[in-house]
């Protein structure tokens, strides 16, 4: 299946957004204030909905499960175990239940019921939601093709509605699995259905003017203090739709650098927090006598370097080896379409 260049570029862009957001959040001395970078997670979820529908709607259930596990599990388990070892070596503790839930992609009951559940590798919470979405998609694959889209859309919508009915003080895991982030998967599946039906609009002068008008309108809407869905949903939807509409033009002038960044986005996403924590440790020890833009740049570049190295040295070759061994034939790698 031909890769969608616009989605590939967006994956790299989303990883950069999250990376810079966390640099500003966890390294106050960097001087970075980039709260909007958290929108990268929403973009990842929309991308996942799009790609899973595009590549998975015709698969047999067993093949779908195998492909998803081989994409997600190896790198996540390695990074999670490395983080757990790092915590223990630095005098902290990691409970067996916490580690089990993390490796099983299950939301662990938080110590504070007012906080969302977090795995050992904190960014792994997004993969817990990914697994829920995969389970919904898997269930739909047991139905005839014409029912699969209604099933996925119906279940996700039902979970979203249920989330609005949950009373205050309910179990944090119940709140987590019915949260507004599920709307991003639903949006991505919708874009995927539009794309596969051949009805995705093209980038024309009229459409460009319409997009400009919508962006200006969003700038004047009083979204501060509203839900994340209302605040981030419209701009994310416009961004992904705009990218998909620009696909023909992007395909004419492909960028190897942006393509490579998209390929490595999963590795960057999973490894950037340990890199930032490493910078925290260096700062605490006094080994980094600088801050501001220099600190922010160093942290971003180091995280990108580690992520790229992880992708080319581990993620890609391990995935290729596992697919070749389990499928009994040599296959090429596909991008890891996940947050």
Foldseek 3Di string as FASTA:
>chain_A
DDDQQLLLLLLLVLLLLLLLCVLVVLPVLQVDDRVVSVLSLLLLLLLLLQVCLQPPLQDALVVLVVVQCLLPQPVQLVLLVVLQVVQVVVPHHDDPQLQVCLNVLHFDQDPDQVDAGAGSLRVSVQVSLVVVLSVQQSVLNVDPSVCRLVSSLVVLVVLLVVLVVDDPPPGNRSNSNSDPSSVSSNLSNVVNVCVVVVNQAADDPVVVVVLVVVVVVLVPDPCPPPDCCVNSVVVSSSSSSVSSNCRVVCVVPPDPVSSLSSLLSVLLNRQLVVLSVVVVVCVVVVVDPDHYNVSSVVSSVVSSVRSSCCRVVPSQVSSQVVCCVVVVHGDHDDRSSGD
